[in-house]
């Protein structure tokens, strides 16, 4: 007699089958949409992350991952549509202990249904451990601080800064993390901003007095074995400042501390928090505005070459302020940061474009010249109109230029930025996404904008020589970039070993001292002679 189902029984749906199979090897499941936001979550979220699964609905999946692994996660998730699946990958959760978990994913694009990614989170198999490399990187620390400044008031009360001038090289971060755990505050994130100088990100909502108390306890523990330690706290709550103004001030704060430590912070006005620095900068804004208007800076041009043939593809224009524009200890990066802090980014970007256009006309190089444009500039309708007007007045200029979109300031108005970048490409100006991998925004930009080139951040190039994980990271960047039709450039090619590894990983172009140092823009005649000489040498 044939087997029949009872009235109470019913066939399992595909969704139920998927959940059953996934839960066989996972503790937590999440479905995310094309923007990375969680629409469905179930499993042991409360056990592992301290909140119910429902509490994560509407948040981004990246918020489940520890800060130091978010860039790797965003890269893997961005590659899901082209690859179809995310193989089991070890990433750390965003819990206080940064617990290693195995994260897997499946991309679902079924007819008549919204596109979604199904993610599963499983503990590591018993006996398998992940070596903790400690801390987070400075770019991640900065990004998390900026997210707090954009978020709910009260979430970004302060930033802790620590100097350990006497600690053995390479031990600074470990000493601070050990002191944090001993002080009962392992939820803080620490990053080494510069040798012997560390930034401390307290838990969201911690008040400034609590941060100062923590820094006092850390000082006591760190000095118990001898040696000197100095700490500072910078208040991030700045009434009257917009999030963009606060972020500009924060970036300069980190730059000053990395270079000059606590002494530099006092001189720059950060004793009174971000607001104090902005008040101090108001007095310098007119000086900077005049320097930009008078074009008191020079441009140096660094070649970007093919890694296979060593032929120059284009040059990048690097801005160097003239003597007297900045303070004795301030450098080129401060020039950009200060311009952002006082609202002069658009003026600086356009002035750099003007000087580059003059150099192109004078030297008539065979290759294009790339100029940097800040996210603040490309999302400005006024800047776009001025830029396109300049290109239309000199019809040949578009054919000699490239544009690099930098992440010095994150794009807030993506539609405006998209209109600028699309208009440049329509006029024949290629677009490059700079510092790819350094911040989560770059992955969003790659989805939102059509770009011709992606430039891998130099930190990953350096690390790829030492760690397999970073080599896989760069290889994934190459795959993702090619999937969207973009060529790849690697920064910081300082040795032949860097060049060889990047070429093996599929990177087409490189930039760094091994390939050419910044200098004057070569004239066309010299370039042709150099190319003929290179061909003669290659053919014997």
Protein backbone atom coordinates (compact mmCIF):
# COMPACT_ATOMS: atom_id res chain seq x y z
CA UNK A 1 0.00 0.00 0.00
CA UNK A 2 1.52 3.40 -0.96
CA UNK A 3 2.66 5.62 1.83
CA UNK A 4 0.48 8.72 2.24
CA UNK A 5 0.96 11.85 4.28
CA UNK A 6 -1.35 12.45 7.20
CA UNK A 7 -3.51 15.60 7.02
CA UNK A 8 -1.21 17.30 9.54
CA UNK A 9 1.93 16.67 7.49
CA UNK A 10 3.14 18.91 4.66
CA UNK A 11 6.22 19.05 2.41
CA UNK A 12 9.12 21.16 3.64
CA UNK A 13 9.63 24.46 1.83
CA UNK A 14 13.01 25.30 0.26
CA UNK A 15 13.53 27.89 2.98
CA UNK A 16 12.93 25.36 5.73
CA UNK A 17 15.31 22.88 4.10
CA UNK A 18 17.96 25.57 3.83
CA UNK A 19 17.54 26.55 7.48
CA UNK A 20 17.75 22.92 8.54
CA UNK A 21 20.95 22.26 6.63
CA UNK A 22 22.52 25.54 7.74
CA UNK A 23 21.71 25.01 11.40
CA UNK A 24 23.31 21.57 11.26
CA UNK A 25 26.71 23.33 11.25
CA UNK A 26 26.01 26.86 12.53
CA UNK A 27 24.91 28.74 15.64
CA UNK A 28 23.59 31.87 13.91
CA UNK A 29 21.97 32.61 10.55
CA UNK A 30 21.29 35.93 8.84
CA UNK A 31 19.83 37.01 5.49
CA UNK A 32 21.01 40.34 4.14
CA UNK A 33 19.84 42.46 1.22
CA UNK A 34 21.95 43.95 -1.57
CA UNK A 35 22.96 46.82 0.72
CA UNK A 36 24.17 44.44 3.43
CA UNK A 37 21.29 45.07 5.85
CA UNK A 38 19.88 42.17 7.87
CA UNK A 39 16.28 41.29 7.06
CA UNK A 40 16.10 37.94 8.85
CA UNK A 41 18.15 36.62 11.77
CA UNK A 42 17.84 33.58 13.99
CA UNK A 43 19.96 31.50 16.31
CA UNK A 44 22.17 32.04 19.34
CA UNK A 45 22.72 35.79 18.88
CA UNK A 46 22.05 36.54 22.54
CA UNK A 47 24.59 33.93 23.67
CA UNK A 48 27.36 35.18 21.42
CA UNK A 49 26.61 38.89 20.95
CA UNK A 50 24.50 39.77 24.00
CA UNK A 51 21.31 40.73 22.15
CA UNK A 52 18.41 38.84 20.62
CA UNK A 53 18.43 37.98 16.93
CA UNK A 54 15.52 40.41 16.38
CA UNK A 55 17.65 43.29 17.72
CA UNK A 56 19.93 43.00 14.69
CA UNK A 57 17.16 43.34 12.09
CA UNK A 58 17.85 46.46 10.02
CA UNK A 59 21.53 46.68 11.04
CA UNK A 60 24.33 45.88 8.62
CA UNK A 61 25.89 42.42 8.69
CA UNK A 62 29.29 44.08 9.14
CA UNK A 63 28.20 45.10 12.66
CA UNK A 64 28.31 41.41 13.64
CA UNK A 65 32.04 41.34 12.86
CA UNK A 66 34.93 42.71 14.95
CA UNK A 67 36.24 46.06 13.75
CA UNK A 68 39.61 44.73 12.62
CA UNK A 69 37.97 42.11 10.36
CA UNK A 70 35.20 44.23 8.84
CA UNK A 71 37.16 45.23 5.76
CA UNK A 72 37.87 41.56 4.99
CA UNK A 73 34.19 40.69 5.56
CA UNK A 74 32.94 43.54 3.35
CA UNK A 75 35.29 42.41 0.59
CA UNK A 76 34.08 38.81 0.83
CA UNK A 77 30.42 39.89 0.86
CA UNK A 78 30.94 42.25 -2.09
CA UNK A 79 32.36 39.34 -4.09
CA UNK A 80 29.38 37.07 -3.36
CA UNK A 81 27.30 38.05 -6.44
CA UNK A 82 30.17 37.13 -8.80
CA UNK A 83 31.37 34.06 -6.92
CA UNK A 84 28.01 32.70 -5.78
CA UNK A 85 29.26 31.60 -2.37
CA UNK A 86 31.56 32.55 0.47
CA UNK A 87 33.68 29.55 1.46
CA UNK A 88 34.12 29.02 5.22
CA UNK A 89 36.26 31.94 6.38
CA UNK A 90 37.56 32.63 9.88
CA UNK A 91 36.51 36.07 11.12
CA UNK A 92 36.15 37.49 14.62
CA UNK A 93 32.79 38.43 16.09
CA UNK A 94 32.01 41.86 17.53
CA UNK A 95 31.90 40.52 21.08
CA UNK A 96 34.26 41.75 23.83
CA UNK A 97 36.58 38.76 23.35
CA UNK A 98 36.55 38.98 19.54
CA UNK A 99 35.73 35.28 19.30
CA UNK A 100 36.87 33.58 16.07
CA UNK A 101 33.93 32.11 14.09
CA UNK A 102 33.62 30.34 10.77
CA UNK A 103 31.53 32.52 8.43
CA UNK A 104 30.02 31.08 5.23
CA UNK A 105 27.66 32.56 2.67
CA UNK A 106 25.40 31.77 -0.28
CA UNK A 107 24.17 34.29 -2.86
CA UNK A 108 20.51 33.80 -3.87
CA UNK A 109 19.13 35.50 -6.97
CA UNK A 110 15.90 33.63 -7.69
CA UNK A 111 13.34 34.76 -10.32
CA UNK A 112 10.66 36.99 -8.86
CA UNK A 113 12.39 37.28 -5.47
CA UNK A 114 14.61 39.99 -3.96
CA UNK A 115 18.33 39.27 -4.21
CA UNK A 116 19.76 38.27 -0.85
CA UNK A 117 22.82 36.68 0.75
CA UNK A 118 22.42 33.94 3.33
CA UNK A 119 25.18 33.99 5.99
CA UNK A 120 25.91 31.33 8.58
CA UNK A 121 28.13 31.71 11.65
CA UNK A 122 29.65 28.62 13.27
CA UNK A 123 32.17 28.22 16.12
CA UNK A 124 35.58 26.90 15.14
CA UNK A 125 35.88 23.11 15.36
CA UNK A 126 37.14 21.87 18.71
CA UNK A 127 40.90 22.06 18.95
CA UNK A 128 41.23 24.67 16.19
CA UNK A 129 42.44 28.10 17.32
CA UNK A 130 43.12 31.39 15.61
CA UNK A 131 46.27 33.24 16.53
CA UNK A 132 45.16 36.63 17.80
CA UNK A 133 47.26 39.35 16.18
CA UNK A 134 46.01 41.91 18.67
CA UNK A 135 44.53 45.33 18.39
CA UNK A 136 43.03 46.92 15.35
CA UNK A 137 44.60 49.02 12.62
CA UNK A 138 44.64 52.85 12.62
CA UNK A 139 42.34 53.12 9.59
CA UNK A 140 39.69 50.99 11.32
CA UNK A 141 40.01 52.99 14.53
CA UNK A 142 39.49 56.21 12.60
CA UNK A 143 36.52 54.80 10.70
CA UNK A 144 34.79 53.63 13.89
CA UNK A 145 35.31 57.03 15.48
CA UNK A 146 33.83 58.70 12.42
CA UNK A 147 30.82 56.38 12.51
CA UNK A 148 30.18 57.50 16.08
CA UNK A 149 30.48 61.16 15.14
CA UNK A 150 27.86 60.59 12.43
CA UNK A 151 25.63 58.56 14.73
CA UNK A 152 23.53 59.16 17.83
CA UNK A 153 24.71 62.03 20.09
CA UNK A 154 26.44 60.71 23.20
CA UNK A 155 28.01 57.69 21.50
CA UNK A 156 31.39 59.38 20.89
CA UNK A 157 32.25 61.09 24.17
CA UNK A 158 36.02 60.82 23.93
CA UNK A 159 39.19 59.38 22.41
CA UNK A 160 42.03 58.11 24.57
CA UNK A 161 45.65 58.62 23.48
CA UNK A 162 48.69 56.94 25.03
CA UNK A 163 52.44 57.48 24.56
CA UNK A 164 54.93 54.76 25.54
CA UNK A 165 58.32 56.17 24.54
CA UNK A 166 60.34 53.62 26.56
CA UNK A 167 58.51 50.43 25.55
CA UNK A 168 60.46 47.91 23.43
CA UNK A 169 59.68 48.15 19.72
CA UNK A 170 56.70 46.01 18.78
CA UNK A 171 55.53 45.64 22.39
CA UNK A 172 53.45 48.81 22.71
CA UNK A 173 50.12 47.39 21.60
CA UNK A 174 50.53 44.18 23.61
CA UNK A 175 51.39 46.11 26.79
CA UNK A 176 48.34 48.34 26.45
CA UNK A 177 45.99 45.43 25.71
CA UNK A 178 47.31 43.50 28.72
CA UNK A 179 46.81 46.57 30.89
CA UNK A 180 43.27 47.02 29.56
CA UNK A 181 42.31 43.45 30.44
CA UNK A 182 43.94 43.79 33.85
CA UNK A 183 41.97 47.00 34.42
CA UNK A 184 38.77 45.13 33.59
CA UNK A 185 38.07 47.03 30.38
CA UNK A 186 38.83 44.60 27.57
CA UNK A 187 35.95 46.04 25.52
CA UNK A 188 38.16 48.98 24.48
CA UNK A 189 39.84 48.85 21.08
CA UNK A 190 43.49 49.88 20.85
CA UNK A 191 45.44 50.77 17.69
CA UNK A 192 49.05 51.83 17.25
CA UNK A 193 48.77 55.10 15.32
CA UNK A 194 52.56 55.55 15.18
CA UNK A 195 55.48 53.82 16.92
CA UNK A 196 54.97 54.31 20.67
CA UNK A 197 51.72 56.25 20.16
CA UNK A 198 48.36 54.51 20.52
CA UNK A 199 44.71 55.43 20.22
CA UNK A 200 42.05 53.99 22.50
CA UNK A 201 38.39 53.66 21.49
CA UNK A 202 36.19 53.19 24.58
CA UNK A 203 32.82 51.41 24.43
CA UNK A 204 30.02 53.46 22.88
CA UNK A 205 28.38 55.78 25.37
CA UNK A 206 31.25 55.87 27.86
CA UNK A 207 31.46 59.38 29.30
CA UNK A 208 34.60 61.50 29.25
CA UNK A 209 35.16 61.32 33.05
CA UNK A 210 35.00 57.52 32.85
CA UNK A 211 37.57 57.54 30.04
CA UNK A 212 39.89 59.79 32.06
CA UNK A 213 39.56 57.42 35.03
CA UNK A 214 40.45 54.46 32.79
CA UNK A 215 43.50 56.31 31.45
CA UNK A 216 44.63 57.01 35.03
CA UNK A 217 44.36 53.29 35.90
CA UNK A 218 46.25 52.36 32.73
CA UNK A 219 49.02 54.84 33.56
CA UNK A 220 49.41 53.30 36.99
CA UNK A 221 49.69 49.79 35.58
CA UNK A 222 51.96 50.70 32.68
CA UNK A 223 54.42 52.59 34.89
CA UNK A 224 54.56 49.94 37.62
CA UNK A 225 57.53 48.27 35.92
CA UNK A 226 59.38 51.51 35.24
CA UNK A 227 59.44 53.63 32.11
CA UNK A 228 57.45 56.72 31.26
CA UNK A 229 53.89 56.93 30.03
CA UNK A 230 51.74 59.91 29.12
CA UNK A 231 48.06 59.88 28.30
CA UNK A 232 45.54 62.37 26.98
CA UNK A 233 41.82 62.38 26.36
CA UNK A 234 40.20 64.38 23.58
CA UNK A 235 36.53 65.22 23.95
CA UNK A 236 34.61 64.43 20.77
CA UNK A 237 31.31 66.03 21.75
CA UNK A 238 31.47 69.47 20.12
CA UNK A 239 28.21 71.47 20.27
CA UNK A 240 27.78 73.61 17.18
CA UNK A 241 29.91 71.42 14.93
CA UNK A 242 28.32 69.43 12.13
CA UNK A 243 29.39 65.77 11.82
CA UNK A 244 31.48 66.69 8.76
CA UNK A 245 33.30 69.44 10.68
CA UNK A 246 33.89 67.12 13.63
CA UNK A 247 35.27 64.38 11.35
CA UNK A 248 37.68 66.81 9.68
CA UNK A 249 38.94 67.92 13.09
CA UNK A 250 39.28 64.30 14.25
CA UNK A 251 41.43 63.36 11.27
CA UNK A 252 43.78 66.24 11.96
CA UNK A 253 43.88 65.29 15.65
CA UNK A 254 45.09 61.77 14.81
CA UNK A 255 47.62 63.12 12.31
CA UNK A 256 49.05 65.59 14.85
CA UNK A 257 49.28 62.94 17.58
CA UNK A 258 51.00 60.47 15.25
CA UNK A 259 53.64 63.06 14.42
CA UNK A 260 54.06 65.16 17.57
CA UNK A 261 52.34 63.28 20.39
CA UNK A 262 50.70 64.98 23.36
CA UNK A 263 52.79 68.12 22.94
CA UNK A 264 51.46 68.62 19.41
CA UNK A 265 47.86 68.19 20.58
CA UNK A 266 48.26 70.99 23.11
CA UNK A 267 49.80 73.32 20.54
CA UNK A 268 47.00 72.58 18.04
CA UNK A 269 44.27 73.44 20.56
CA UNK A 270 42.96 69.92 21.24
CA UNK A 271 43.13 70.42 25.02
CA UNK A 272 39.59 71.74 24.66
CA UNK A 273 38.45 68.88 22.43
CA UNK A 274 37.50 69.02 18.78
CA UNK A 275 35.62 72.29 19.31
CA UNK A 276 38.75 73.93 20.75
CA UNK A 277 40.75 72.94 17.70
CA UNK A 278 38.11 74.34 15.33
CA UNK A 279 38.19 77.66 17.24
CA UNK A 280 41.99 77.68 16.93
CA UNK A 281 41.78 76.92 13.21
CA UNK A 282 39.45 79.83 12.56
CA UNK A 283 42.48 82.06 13.06
CA UNK A 284 44.50 80.11 10.46
CA UNK A 285 41.80 79.77 7.83
CA UNK A 286 42.56 83.11 6.16
CA UNK A 287 46.25 82.23 5.89
CA UNK A 288 45.42 78.88 4.31
CA UNK A 289 42.86 80.44 1.96
CA UNK A 290 45.48 82.93 0.70
CA UNK A 291 48.06 80.15 0.26
CA UNK A 292 45.63 78.11 -1.84
CA UNK A 293 44.52 81.13 -3.87
CA UNK A 294 48.16 82.06 -4.55
CA UNK A 295 48.95 78.40 -5.35
CA UNK A 296 51.76 78.26 -2.82
CA UNK A 297 52.37 74.59 -3.37
CA UNK A 298 54.27 72.44 -5.83
CA UNK A 299 53.22 69.29 -7.63
CA UNK A 300 55.49 66.28 -7.88
CA UNK A 301 54.60 63.51 -10.31
CA UNK A 302 55.08 59.82 -9.56
CA UNK A 303 54.83 57.24 -12.36
CA UNK A 304 52.37 54.33 -12.32
CA UNK A 305 53.83 51.49 -14.39
CA UNK A 306 52.74 48.13 -15.73
CA UNK A 307 54.12 45.39 -13.50
CA UNK A 308 54.76 43.11 -16.46
CA UNK A 309 56.38 45.52 -18.92
CA UNK A 310 57.53 48.44 -16.68
CA UNK A 311 56.01 50.90 -19.15
CA UNK A 312 54.61 54.08 -17.59
CA UNK A 313 50.82 54.21 -17.84
CA UNK A 314 50.24 57.59 -16.15
CA UNK A 315 51.53 59.89 -13.40
CA UNK A 316 49.94 60.86 -10.11
CA UNK A 317 50.18 64.52 -9.05
CA UNK A 318 51.30 64.80 -5.40
CA UNK A 319 50.72 68.14 -3.64
CA UNK A 320 53.58 69.58 -1.57
CA UNK A 321 53.02 72.95 0.24
CA UNK A 322 55.79 75.53 -0.02
CA UNK A 323 57.91 76.61 2.93
CA UNK A 324 56.07 78.88 5.37
CA UNK A 325 52.54 77.71 4.54
CA UNK A 326 52.50 75.22 7.44
CA UNK A 327 54.14 74.98 10.84
CA UNK A 328 57.69 73.58 11.19
CA UNK A 329 56.51 70.07 12.04
CA UNK A 330 53.50 69.90 9.67
CA UNK A 331 53.66 67.94 6.43
CA UNK A 332 51.76 67.43 3.14
CA UNK A 333 49.05 65.36 4.82
CA UNK A 334 48.36 68.20 7.25
CA UNK A 335 47.86 70.59 4.33
CA UNK A 336 44.94 68.46 3.09
CA UNK A 337 43.57 67.83 6.60
CA UNK A 338 43.67 71.51 7.52
CA UNK A 339 41.99 72.49 4.24
CA UNK A 340 39.18 70.03 5.05
CA UNK A 341 38.93 71.28 8.63
CA UNK A 342 38.26 74.87 7.56
CA UNK A 343 36.10 74.12 4.51
CA UNK A 344 38.71 74.79 1.79
CA UNK A 345 38.79 71.33 0.20
CA UNK A 346 37.05 72.36 -3.02
CA UNK A 347 39.35 75.37 -3.41
CA UNK A 348 42.44 73.20 -2.90
CA UNK A 349 41.29 70.46 -5.29
CA UNK A 350 40.57 72.99 -8.03
CA UNK A 351 43.88 74.82 -7.47
CA UNK A 352 45.75 71.50 -7.82
CA UNK A 353 43.85 70.83 -11.05
CA UNK A 354 44.85 74.25 -12.40
CA UNK A 355 48.56 73.72 -11.64
CA UNK A 356 48.46 70.22 -13.14
CA UNK A 357 46.80 71.61 -16.30
CA UNK A 358 49.61 74.19 -16.65
CA UNK A 359 52.27 71.53 -16.19
CA UNK A 360 50.59 69.32 -18.79
CA UNK A 361 50.49 72.18 -21.29
CA UNK A 362 54.15 73.06 -20.66
CA UNK A 363 55.62 69.54 -20.67
CA UNK A 364 53.17 67.86 -23.07
CA UNK A 365 53.67 64.35 -21.58
CA UNK A 366 52.61 61.28 -23.53
CA UNK A 367 50.84 59.81 -20.50
CA UNK A 368 47.87 61.09 -18.53
CA UNK A 369 48.17 62.85 -15.17
CA UNK A 370 45.96 61.79 -12.24
CA UNK A 371 44.77 64.40 -9.74
CA UNK A 372 43.13 63.63 -6.41
CA UNK A 373 39.58 64.75 -5.70
CA UNK A 374 38.15 64.55 -2.20
CA UNK A 375 34.76 63.03 -1.48
CA UNK A 376 33.76 66.52 -0.31
CA UNK A 377 34.46 67.96 -3.77
CA UNK A 378 32.84 65.30 -5.95
CA UNK A 379 29.54 65.56 -4.05
CA UNK A 380 29.39 69.34 -4.53
CA UNK A 381 27.19 70.53 -7.39
CA UNK A 382 29.05 73.86 -7.46
CA UNK A 383 32.42 72.13 -7.76
CA UNK A 384 31.05 69.88 -10.51
CA UNK A 385 29.86 72.85 -12.55
CA UNK A 386 33.21 74.60 -12.15
CA UNK A 387 35.14 71.42 -13.04
CA UNK A 388 33.11 70.65 -16.16
CA UNK A 389 33.33 74.28 -17.25
CA UNK A 390 37.13 74.09 -16.99
CA UNK A 391 37.23 70.92 -19.09
CA UNK A 392 34.97 72.44 -21.74
CA UNK A 393 37.08 75.61 -22.03
CA UNK A 394 40.17 73.54 -22.84
CA UNK A 395 38.94 70.72 -25.03
CA UNK A 396 42.16 68.70 -25.00
CA UNK A 397 42.56 68.66 -21.20
CA UNK A 398 40.09 65.81 -20.56
CA UNK A 399 42.21 63.53 -22.76
CA UNK A 400 45.26 64.18 -20.59
CA UNK A 401 43.70 63.79 -17.14
CA UNK A 402 42.64 61.07 -14.72
CA UNK A 403 40.86 61.51 -11.39
CA UNK A 404 41.48 59.61 -8.14
CA UNK A 405 38.59 59.65 -5.67
CA UNK A 406 40.21 59.75 -2.24
CA UNK A 407 38.60 58.64 1.01
CA UNK A 408 39.97 61.54 3.03
CA UNK A 409 36.33 62.55 3.50
CA UNK A 410 33.48 60.08 3.06
CA UNK A 411 30.81 60.81 0.48
CA UNK A 412 27.49 61.67 2.11
CA UNK A 413 25.49 62.49 -1.04
CA UNK A 414 26.12 59.56 -3.37
CA UNK A 415 23.81 60.75 -6.15
CA UNK A 416 25.74 64.01 -6.47
CA UNK A 417 29.06 62.16 -6.45
CA UNK A 418 27.79 59.68 -9.04
CA UNK A 419 26.79 62.56 -11.33
CA UNK A 420 30.30 64.06 -11.08
CA UNK A 421 32.12 60.77 -11.72
CA UNK A 422 29.78 59.76 -14.57
CA UNK A 423 30.20 63.19 -16.16
CA UNK A 424 33.99 62.86 -16.00
CA UNK A 425 33.91 59.45 -17.69
CA UNK A 426 31.53 60.75 -20.36
CA UNK A 427 34.10 63.46 -21.12
CA UNK A 428 36.88 60.87 -21.45
CA UNK A 429 38.44 61.26 -17.98
CA UNK A 430 39.13 57.84 -16.38
CA UNK A 431 38.26 57.49 -12.68
CA UNK A 432 40.30 55.62 -10.06
CA UNK A 433 39.10 54.60 -6.58
CA UNK A 434 42.00 55.38 -4.23
CA UNK A 435 43.12 53.45 -1.11
CA UNK A 436 40.80 50.51 -1.75
CA UNK A 437 40.49 48.30 1.33
CA UNK A 438 41.51 50.96 3.83
CA UNK A 439 37.91 51.76 4.79
CA UNK A 440 34.49 50.19 4.45
CA UNK A 441 33.25 53.11 2.32
CA UNK A 442 35.43 51.98 -0.59
CA UNK A 443 33.34 48.82 -1.00
CA UNK A 444 30.18 50.92 -1.08
CA UNK A 445 31.75 53.20 -3.68
CA UNK A 446 32.65 50.24 -5.88
CA UNK A 447 28.99 49.20 -5.92
CA UNK A 448 27.68 52.74 -6.39
CA UNK A 449 30.05 54.13 -9.06
CA UNK A 450 31.55 53.00 -12.33
CA UNK A 451 35.32 53.29 -12.02
CA UNK A 452 38.12 52.39 -14.42
CA UNK A 453 40.83 51.66 -11.84
CA UNK A 454 41.03 50.51 -8.24
CA UNK A 455 44.15 51.34 -6.21
CA UNK A 456 44.95 48.83 -3.46
CA UNK A 457 45.99 50.52 -0.22
CA UNK A 458 49.74 50.20 0.39
CA UNK A 459 49.28 48.70 3.86
CA UNK A 460 47.89 45.52 2.29
CA UNK A 461 50.74 45.38 -0.23
CA UNK A 462 53.30 45.50 2.57
CA UNK A 463 51.45 42.97 4.72
CA UNK A 464 50.95 40.55 1.82
CA UNK A 465 54.67 39.74 1.86
CA UNK A 466 54.35 38.51 5.45
CA UNK A 467 50.89 36.97 5.87
CA UNK A 468 48.89 34.53 3.77
CA UNK A 469 45.66 36.12 4.97
CA UNK A 470 46.65 39.47 3.44
CA UNK A 471 47.69 37.76 0.20
CA UNK A 472 44.21 36.26 -0.05
CA UNK A 473 42.77 39.69 0.73
CA UNK A 474 44.63 41.30 -2.19
CA UNK A 475 43.69 38.40 -4.50
CA UNK A 476 40.03 38.93 -3.57
CA UNK A 477 40.33 42.66 -4.30
CA UNK A 478 41.69 41.80 -7.75
CA UNK A 479 38.83 39.36 -8.43
CA UNK A 480 36.20 41.84 -7.26
CA UNK A 481 37.68 44.72 -9.25
CA UNK A 482 37.86 42.68 -12.42
CA UNK A 483 34.28 41.51 -11.90
CA UNK A 484 33.11 45.13 -12.16
CA UNK A 485 35.43 45.90 -15.09
CA UNK A 486 38.18 47.80 -13.24
CA UNK A 487 41.96 47.49 -13.58
CA UNK A 488 44.03 47.24 -10.37
CA UNK A 489 46.94 49.41 -9.18
CA UNK A 490 49.03 48.50 -6.12
CA UNK A 491 50.55 51.25 -3.99
CA UNK A 492 53.82 51.11 -2.08
CA UNK A 493 55.81 48.93 -4.50
CA UNK A 494 59.12 49.57 -2.73
CA UNK A 495 61.05 46.42 -3.70
CA UNK A 496 61.25 43.85 -6.47
CA UNK A 497 59.61 41.37 -4.08
CA UNK A 498 56.55 43.63 -3.79
CA UNK A 499 56.31 43.94 -7.58
CA UNK A 500 56.70 40.18 -8.16
CA UNK A 501 54.07 39.24 -5.57
CA UNK A 502 51.50 41.76 -6.80
CA UNK A 503 51.98 40.57 -10.38
CA UNK A 504 51.49 36.95 -9.25
CA UNK A 505 48.25 37.98 -7.53
CA UNK A 506 46.90 39.48 -10.75
CA UNK A 507 47.61 43.19 -10.16
CA UNK A 508 48.31 44.97 -13.44
CA UNK A 509 49.94 48.23 -12.34
CA UNK A 510 52.11 49.50 -9.50
CA UNK A 511 53.26 52.71 -7.84
CA UNK A 512 56.22 53.10 -5.50
CA UNK A 513 59.90 53.97 -5.21
CA UNK A 514 60.95 50.70 -6.85
CA UNK A 515 59.17 51.85 -10.01
CA UNK A 516 59.90 55.56 -9.82
CA UNK A 517 60.17 58.39 -7.30
CA UNK A 518 58.12 61.60 -7.43
CA UNK A 519 59.68 64.41 -9.45
CA UNK A 520 59.06 66.92 -12.18
CA UNK A 521 56.73 65.92 -14.98
CA UNK A 522 58.94 64.55 -17.80
CA UNK A 523 58.72 66.20 -21.19
CA UNK A 524 57.48 64.17 -24.15
CA UNK A 525 60.95 64.10 -25.80
CA UNK A 526 62.59 62.57 -22.70
CA UNK A 527 59.86 59.98 -22.38
CA UNK A 528 60.32 58.88 -25.98
CA UNK A 529 64.10 58.64 -25.59
CA UNK A 530 63.66 56.62 -22.38
CA UNK A 531 61.24 54.24 -24.06
CA UNK A 532 63.55 53.72 -27.05
CA UNK A 533 66.46 53.04 -24.69
CA UNK A 534 64.34 50.53 -22.73
CA UNK A 535 63.37 48.74 -25.94
CA UNK A 536 67.01 48.58 -27.09
CA UNK A 537 68.04 47.12 -23.72
CA UNK A 538 65.22 44.58 -23.75
CA UNK A 539 66.16 43.43 -27.29
CA UNK A 540 69.90 43.42 -26.56
